[in-house]
C-alpha atoms as a PDB file:
ATOM      1  CA  MET A   1      17.094   5.923  20.646  1.00  0.00           C
ATOM      2  CA  GLY A   2      19.976   5.903  18.292  1.00  0.00           C
ATOM      3  CA  THR A   3      19.165   2.618  17.136  1.00  0.00           C
ATOM      4  CA  ASN A   4      15.856   3.442  16.107  1.00  0.00           C
ATOM      5  CA  ARG A   5      16.535   6.685  13.967  1.00  0.00           C
ATOM      6  CA  PHE A   6      18.958   4.226  11.954  1.00  0.00           C
ATOM      7  CA  ARG A   7      16.122   1.950  11.304  1.00  0.00           C
ATOM      8  CA  HIS A   8      13.097   4.768  10.327  1.00  0.00           C
ATOM      9  CA  TYR A   9      15.893   6.006   7.605  1.00  0.00           C
ATOM     10  CA  VAL A  10      16.653   2.379   6.126  1.00  0.00           C
ATOM     11  CA  THR A  11      13.093   1.882   6.267  1.00  0.00           C
ATOM     12  CA  LYS A  12      12.352   5.168   4.894  1.00  0.00           C
ATOM     13  CA  LEU A  13      14.821   4.562   2.036  1.00  0.00           C
ATOM     14  CA  LEU A  14      12.822   0.922   1.933  1.00  0.00           C
ATOM     15  CA  VAL A  15      10.024   2.691   1.090  1.00  0.00           C
ATOM     16  CA  ASP A  16      11.501   5.391  -1.341  1.00  0.00           C
ATOM     17  CA  VAL A  17      12.695   2.962  -3.570  1.00  0.00           C
ATOM     18  CA  MET A  18       9.727   0.616  -3.651  1.00  0.00           C
ATOM     19  CA  PHE A  19       7.651   4.103  -4.623  1.00  0.00           C
ATOM     20  CA  PHE A  20       9.907   4.335  -7.579  1.00  0.00           C
ATOM     21  CA  GLY A  21      10.460   1.405  -8.280  1.00  0.00           C
ATOM     22  CA  GLY A  22       6.607   1.157  -7.906  1.00  0.00           C
ATOM     23  CA  ILE A  23       6.121   3.663 -11.070  1.00  0.00           C
ATOM     24  CA  VAL A  24       8.904   2.278 -12.883  1.00  0.00           C
ATOM     25  CA  VAL A  25       6.776  -1.021 -12.835  1.00  0.00           C
ATOM     26  CA  CYS A  26       3.582   0.322 -13.227  1.00  0.00           C
ATOM     27  CA  ALA A  27       4.690   2.442 -16.866  1.00  0.00           C
ATOM     28  CA  ALA A  28       6.595  -0.646 -18.212  1.00  0.00           C
ATOM     29  CA  LEU A  29       3.368  -2.586 -17.166  1.00  0.00           C
ATOM     30  CA  PRO A  30       2.356  -2.317 -20.400  1.00  0.00           C
ATOM     31  CA  PHE A  31       5.076  -2.898 -23.112  1.00  0.00           C
ATOM     32  CA  ALA A  32       6.790  -5.869 -21.181  1.00  0.00           C
ATOM     33  CA  LEU A  33       3.530  -7.749 -20.201  1.00  0.00           C
ATOM     34  CA  PRO A  34       3.390  -8.824 -23.855  1.00  0.00           C
ATOM     35  CA  TRP A  35       6.947 -10.535 -23.857  1.00  0.00           C
ATOM     36  CA  LEU A  36       6.171 -11.538 -20.367  1.00  0.00           C
ATOM     37  CA  MET A  37       3.029 -13.643 -21.350  1.00  0.00           C
ATOM     38  CA  ARG A  38       4.764 -15.422 -24.520  1.00  0.00           C
ATOM     39  CA  LEU A  39       8.076 -15.854 -21.962  1.00  0.00           C
ATOM     40  CA  THR A  40       5.536 -17.541 -19.599  1.00  0.00           C
ATOM     41  CA  GLY A  41       3.199 -19.132 -22.348  1.00  0.00           C
ATOM     42  CA  VAL A  42      -0.205 -17.448 -21.373  1.00  0.00           C
ATOM     43  CA  SER A  43      -2.172 -17.102 -23.644  1.00  0.00           C
ATOM     44  CA  MET A  44      -2.260 -13.267 -25.091  1.00  0.00           C
ATOM     45  CA  TYR A  45      -5.925 -13.299 -25.519  1.00  0.00           C
ATOM     46  CA  PHE A  46      -6.217 -12.507 -21.979  1.00  0.00           C
ATOM     47  CA  ARG A  47      -3.444  -9.399 -22.273  1.00  0.00           C
ATOM     48  CA  GLY A  48      -5.969  -6.374 -21.801  1.00  0.00           C
ATOM     49  CA  GLN A  49      -7.696  -8.366 -18.987  1.00  0.00           C
ATOM     50  CA  TYR A  50      -4.122  -9.068 -16.924  1.00  0.00           C
ATOM     51  CA  THR A  51      -2.780  -5.453 -18.170  1.00  0.00           C
ATOM     52  CA  VAL A  52      -5.661  -3.963 -16.315  1.00  0.00           C
ATOM     53  CA  VAL A  53      -5.959  -6.012 -13.146  1.00  0.00           C
ATOM     54  CA  LEU A  54      -1.643  -5.866 -12.601  1.00  0.00           C
ATOM     55  CA  LEU A  55      -2.227  -1.689 -13.381  1.00  0.00           C
ATOM     56  CA  SER A  56      -5.442  -0.939 -11.147  1.00  0.00           C
ATOM     57  CA  ALA A  57      -3.897  -2.921  -8.468  1.00  0.00           C
ATOM     58  CA  GLY A  58      -0.308  -1.743  -8.976  1.00  0.00           C
ATOM     59  CA  VAL A  59      -1.244   1.780  -8.585  1.00  0.00           C
ATOM     60  CA  CYS A  60      -3.263   1.137  -5.317  1.00  0.00           C
ATOM     61  CA  ALA A  61       0.247  -0.167  -3.916  1.00  0.00           C
ATOM     62  CA  VAL A  62       2.248   2.949  -5.738  1.00  0.00           C
ATOM     63  CA  PHE A  63      -0.539   5.091  -3.583  1.00  0.00           C
ATOM     64  CA  ILE A  64      -0.277   3.121  -0.203  1.00  0.00           C
ATOM     65  CA  MET A  65       3.545   3.544  -0.642  1.00  0.00           C
ATOM     66  CA  TYR A  66       3.468   7.370  -0.752  1.00  0.00           C
ATOM     67  CA  GLN A  67       0.534   7.258   1.870  1.00  0.00           C
ATOM     68  CA  LEU A  68       4.161   5.708   3.686  1.00  0.00           C
ATOM     69  CA  LYS A  69       6.374   7.955   2.859  1.00  0.00           C
ATOM     70  CA  ARG A  70       3.731  10.958   3.601  1.00  0.00           C
ATOM     71  CA  MET A  71       3.888   8.622   7.371  1.00  0.00           C
ATOM     72  CA  PHE A  72       7.641   8.655   7.526  1.00  0.00           C
ATOM     73  CA  LYS A  73       8.287  12.182   7.072  1.00  0.00           C
ATOM     74  CA  THR A  74       6.244  12.771  10.777  1.00  0.00           C
ATOM     75  CA  LEU A  75       8.117  10.116  12.383  1.00  0.00           C
ATOM     76  CA  LEU A  76      11.554  11.588  10.940  1.00  0.00           C
ATOM     77  CA  SER A  77      10.272  14.823  12.247  1.00  0.00           C
ATOM     78  CA  GLY A  78       9.595  13.221  16.377  1.00  0.00           C
ATOM     79  CA  ASN A  79       5.919  14.024  15.543  1.00  0.00           C
ATOM     80  CA  PRO A  80       3.694  10.928  14.298  1.00  0.00           C
ATOM     81  CA  PHE A  81       0.739  11.536  16.148  1.00  0.00           C
ATOM     82  CA  VAL A  82      -0.862  14.031  13.843  1.00  0.00           C
ATOM     83  CA  SER A  83      -3.855  14.104  12.217  1.00  0.00           C
ATOM     84  CA  GLN A  84      -2.666  13.765   8.973  1.00  0.00           C
ATOM     85  CA  ASN A  85      -1.132  10.385   9.748  1.00  0.00           C
ATOM     86  CA  VAL A  86      -5.068   9.204  10.488  1.00  0.00           C
ATOM     87  CA  ASP A  87      -5.772  10.418   6.505  1.00  0.00           C
ATOM     88  CA  CYS A  88      -2.614   8.360   5.474  1.00  0.00           C
ATOM     89  CA  LEU A  89      -4.067   4.892   7.126  1.00  0.00           C
ATOM     90  CA  ARG A  90      -7.445   5.926   6.031  1.00  0.00           C
ATOM     91  CA  LYS A  91      -6.605   6.728   2.713  1.00  0.00           C
ATOM     92  CA  CYS A  92      -3.918   3.289   2.683  1.00  0.00           C
ATOM     93  CA  ALA A  93      -7.143   1.139   3.831  1.00  0.00           C
ATOM     94  CA  VAL A  94      -9.510   1.976   1.178  1.00  0.00           C
ATOM     95  CA  ALA A  95      -6.526   1.543  -1.191  1.00  0.00           C
ATOM     96  CA  SER A  96      -6.074  -2.337   0.566  1.00  0.00           C
ATOM     97  CA  ALA A  97      -9.342  -3.051   0.341  1.00  0.00           C
ATOM     98  CA  VAL A  98      -9.114  -1.943  -3.449  1.00  0.00           C
ATOM     99  CA  ILE A  99      -6.784  -4.450  -4.147  1.00  0.00           C
ATOM    100  CA  ALA A 100      -8.610  -6.546  -2.551  1.00  0.00           C
ATOM    101  CA  CYS A 101     -11.899  -6.457  -4.441  1.00  0.00           C
ATOM    102  CA  ILE A 102      -9.647  -6.150  -7.778  1.00  0.00           C
ATOM    103  CA  PHE A 103      -8.319  -9.835  -7.032  1.00  0.00           C
ATOM    104  CA  PHE A 104     -11.507 -10.917  -5.675  1.00  0.00           C
ATOM    105  CA  VAL A 105     -13.370 -10.466  -9.316  1.00  0.00           C
ATOM    106  CA  ARG A 106     -10.292 -11.441 -10.857  1.00  0.00           C
ATOM    107  CA  LEU A 107     -11.207 -14.805  -9.130  1.00  0.00           C
ATOM    108  CA  PHE A 108     -14.867 -15.043 -10.741  1.00  0.00           C
ATOM    109  CA  LEU A 109     -12.435 -14.495 -13.798  1.00  0.00           C
ATOM    110  CA  TRP A 110      -9.598 -16.802 -13.701  1.00  0.00           C
ATOM    111  CA  PHE A 111      -9.117 -18.170 -10.097  1.00  0.00           C
ATOM    112  CA  THR A 112      -5.506 -19.229  -8.548  1.00  0.00           C
ATOM    113  CA  ILE A 113      -4.470 -19.652  -5.214  1.00  0.00           C
ATOM    114  CA  ALA A 114      -2.012 -16.530  -5.018  1.00  0.00           C
ATOM    115  CA  ALA A 115      -5.347 -14.483  -5.956  1.00  0.00           C
ATOM    116  CA  SER A 116      -6.993 -15.666  -3.237  1.00  0.00           C
ATOM    117  CA  ILE A 117      -4.354 -15.234  -0.805  1.00  0.00           C
ATOM    118  CA  ILE A 118      -3.593 -11.687  -2.611  1.00  0.00           C
ATOM    119  CA  VAL A 119      -7.688 -11.170  -1.267  1.00  0.00           C
ATOM    120  CA  VAL A 120      -7.400 -12.711   2.189  1.00  0.00           C
ATOM    121  CA  THR A 121      -3.641 -10.829   2.768  1.00  0.00           C
ATOM    122  CA  PHE A 122      -5.267  -7.078   1.705  1.00  0.00           C
ATOM    123  CA  PHE A 123      -8.510  -7.531   3.337  1.00  0.00           C
ATOM    124  CA  ILE A 124      -6.861  -8.522   6.148  1.00  0.00           C
ATOM    125  CA  LEU A 125      -4.357  -5.064   5.783  1.00  0.00           C
ATOM    126  CA  SER A 126      -7.176  -2.818   5.347  1.00  0.00           C
ATOM    127  CA  LEU A 127      -8.649  -3.890   8.519  1.00  0.00           C
ATOM    128  CA  PHE A 128      -5.236  -3.683  10.715  1.00  0.00           C
ATOM    129  CA  CYS A 129      -5.063   0.039   8.397  1.00  0.00           C
ATOM    130  CA  LEU A 130      -8.485   1.011  10.108  1.00  0.00           C
ATOM    131  CA  THR A 131      -7.641  -0.243  13.642  1.00  0.00           C
ATOM    132  CA  LEU A 132      -4.460   1.505  13.513  1.00  0.00           C
ATOM    133  CA  LYS A 133      -6.012   4.916  12.624  1.00  0.00           C
ATOM    134  CA  ASP A 134      -8.668   4.689  15.009  1.00  0.00           C
ATOM    135  CA  LEU A 135      -5.581   4.229  17.622  1.00  0.00           C
ATOM    136  CA  PHE A 136      -3.568   6.840  16.027  1.00  0.00           C
ATOM    137  CA  LYS A 137      -6.933   9.342  16.506  1.00  0.00           C
ATOM    138  CA  GLN A 138      -6.969   7.772  20.302  1.00  0.00           C
ATOM    139  CA  ALA A 139      -3.557   9.093  20.877  1.00  0.00           C
ATOM    140  CA  ILE A 140      -3.764  12.300  19.376  1.00  0.00           C
ATOM    141  CA  ILE A 141      -6.973  12.837  21.866  1.00  0.00           C
ATOM    142  CA  TYR A 142      -4.775  11.895  24.518  1.00  0.00           C
ATOM    143  CA  LYS A 143      -2.165  13.901  23.259  1.00  0.00           C
ATOM    144  CA  GLU A 144      -3.902  16.878  22.965  1.00  0.00           C
ATOM    145  CA  GLU A 145      -5.391  16.444  26.533  1.00  0.00           C
ATOM    146  CA  THR A 146      -1.923  15.799  27.632  1.00  0.00           C
ATOM    147  CA  ASP A 147      -0.638  19.252  26.057  1.00  0.00           C
ATOM    148  CA  TRP A 148      -3.604  21.273  27.696  1.00  0.00           C
ATOM    149  CA  THR A 149      -3.242  20.224  30.847  1.00  0.00           C
ATOM    150  CA  VAL A 150       0.821  20.953  31.059  1.00  0.00           C
END
């Protein structure tokens, strides 16, 4: 049990680092993007489109990390099967679907293989979160039934 707790804390630390790192990246994106575009040789004509796509997807990713932070609080407290986690998983599914939609629209503007992989990945992640949400919901029902019978 001790190693699981250690892994949970390490994972929570990584989620925290990714959450705050995502905030920094999203805040720095409008300022760093022109420099990155010049560095990679991408035309500055697409600066606005890149900013909108990357910033909106970044905000969704930070939102997903925030929901994971909320879920880890319940995990570390020893009670992960609560309705709050069902709501968090539903919100993660919606945010993942939004990222998939953003990059799906991006495919029509400028196609890259990476963007198509992102669409498939986040669509599958959205379905996974919805499935996990239903599993958590069912576990909560079983847990409540057991609490009432004991």
